[in-house]
Amino acid sequence: MCQGIALLDEALELARQERAALENANYEEAIELAGRRGELTGMAWSLLARETMDEYRSRLLEQARLQEQLSDIAARARNDVRQSLNHARREQRRIRGYHQAVGHALQ
């Protein structure tokens, strides 16, 4: 097997691990895996040979499909984090209001 194809196969495996990390809210690991995946894909690209173009194409299409999934998962995670932050801000305002009310009551 061509070294470039082996690198793309490894990049695909990293994409699958990245998907699992995102699904488990392990964002730091996902970022690390994405960086490594990009490096491997770049290395594989530099090794592209005419006789392996079809194999490259199939693996790159698979990687593009996985990237769509990763983007969807990341967008959902971003929305979850935003909602959580908004909830925390509302709670903080509510607690501040109680705090002020207690302060006024004690005066």
Protein backbone atom coordinates (compact mmCIF):
# COMPACT_ATOMS: atom_id res chain seq x y z
CA MET A 1 0.00 0.00 0.00
CA CYS A 2 1.19 3.50 -0.84
CA GLN A 3 2.46 5.59 2.09
CA GLY A 4 0.05 8.40 1.19
CA ILE A 5 -2.93 6.02 1.33
CA ALA A 6 -1.74 4.73 4.70
CA LEU A 7 -1.57 8.33 5.96
CA LEU A 8 -5.11 9.01 4.72
CA ASP A 9 -6.34 5.82 6.40
CA GLU A 10 -4.74 7.01 9.64
CA ALA A 11 -6.36 10.43 9.18
CA LEU A 12 -9.74 8.72 8.74
CA GLU A 13 -9.23 6.84 11.98
CA LEU A 14 -8.35 10.09 13.73
CA ALA A 15 -11.55 11.64 12.34
CA ARG A 16 -13.55 8.79 13.85
CA GLN A 17 -11.79 9.28 17.20
CA GLU A 18 -12.45 13.01 16.92
CA ARG A 19 -16.15 12.32 16.38
CA ALA A 20 -16.21 10.15 19.51
CA ALA A 21 -14.38 12.84 21.50
CA LEU A 22 -16.89 15.48 20.41
CA GLU A 23 -19.82 13.22 21.23
CA ASN A 24 -18.33 12.74 24.71
CA ALA A 25 -17.78 16.51 25.14
CA ASN A 26 -14.01 16.00 25.25
CA TYR A 27 -13.30 19.13 23.25
CA GLU A 28 -9.59 19.42 24.02
CA GLU A 29 -8.96 15.92 22.71
CA ALA A 30 -11.06 16.66 19.62
CA ILE A 31 -8.98 19.77 18.90
CA GLU A 32 -5.76 17.81 19.22
CA LEU A 33 -7.05 15.04 16.96
CA ALA A 34 -8.22 17.56 14.35
CA GLY A 35 -4.76 19.11 14.26
CA ARG A 36 -3.06 15.75 13.84
CA ARG A 37 -5.59 14.76 11.18
CA GLY A 38 -4.84 17.94 9.24
CA GLU A 39 -1.11 17.28 9.42
CA LEU A 40 -1.53 13.72 8.15
CA THR A 41 -3.79 14.83 5.32
CA GLY A 42 -1.25 17.47 4.29
CA MET A 43 1.56 14.92 4.37
CA ALA A 44 -0.52 12.50 2.28
CA TRP A 45 -1.33 15.23 -0.22
CA SER A 46 2.37 15.83 -0.81
CA LEU A 47 2.75 12.13 -1.68
CA LEU A 48 -0.05 12.04 -4.27
CA ALA A 49 0.81 9.96 -7.32
CA ARG A 50 -1.21 9.54 -10.50
CA GLU A 51 -1.67 5.80 -9.97
CA THR A 52 -3.25 6.30 -6.54
CA MET A 53 -5.64 9.13 -7.43
CA ASP A 54 -8.78 6.99 -7.27
CA GLU A 55 -7.84 5.62 -3.86
CA TYR A 56 -7.03 9.15 -2.64
CA ARG A 57 -10.37 10.38 -3.95
CA SER A 58 -12.36 7.71 -2.12
CA ARG A 59 -10.58 8.37 1.16
CA LEU A 60 -10.86 12.13 0.81
CA LEU A 61 -14.59 11.80 0.09
CA GLU A 62 -14.95 9.68 3.22
CA GLN A 63 -13.03 12.30 5.17
CA ALA A 64 -15.31 15.02 3.79
CA ARG A 65 -18.36 13.01 4.89
CA LEU A 66 -16.90 12.64 8.37
CA GLN A 67 -16.06 16.36 8.42
CA GLU A 68 -19.74 17.16 7.81
CA GLN A 69 -20.66 14.99 10.78
CA LEU A 70 -17.98 16.65 12.90
CA SER A 71 -19.27 20.09 11.95
CA ASP A 72 -22.83 19.11 12.87
CA ILE A 73 -21.75 17.70 16.24
CA ALA A 74 -19.61 20.77 16.95
CA ALA A 75 -22.49 23.12 16.09
CA ARG A 76 -24.80 21.25 18.46
CA ALA A 77 -22.15 21.37 21.19
CA ARG A 78 -21.68 25.10 20.65
CA ASN A 79 -25.43 25.63 21.00
CA ASP A 80 -25.50 23.54 24.18
CA VAL A 81 -22.67 25.58 25.67
CA ARG A 82 -24.40 28.84 24.73
CA GLN A 83 -27.63 27.69 26.35
CA SER A 84 -25.75 26.65 29.47
CA LEU A 85 -23.98 30.01 29.66
CA ASN A 86 -27.25 31.89 29.21
CA HIS A 87 -28.85 29.80 31.95
CA ALA A 88 -25.90 30.51 34.26
CA ARG A 89 -26.18 34.24 33.57
CA ARG A 90 -29.91 34.22 34.36
CA GLU A 91 -29.26 32.32 37.59
CA GLN A 92 -26.51 34.75 38.53
CA ARG A 93 -28.89 37.70 37.98
CA ARG A 94 -31.58 35.97 40.01
CA ILE A 95 -29.20 35.33 42.91
CA ARG A 96 -27.96 38.93 42.78
CA GLY A 97 -31.59 40.06 42.98
CA TYR A 98 -32.19 37.89 46.04
CA HIS A 99 -29.00 39.20 47.58
CA GLN A 100 -30.10 42.80 47.04
CA ALA A 101 -33.59 42.06 48.41
CA VAL A 102 -32.12 40.52 51.55
CA GLY A 103 -29.82 43.51 51.94
CA HIS A 104 -32.75 45.92 51.71
CA ALA A 105 -34.79 43.85 54.14
CA LEU A 106 -32.01 43.91 56.72
CA GLN A 107 -31.63 47.69 56.62
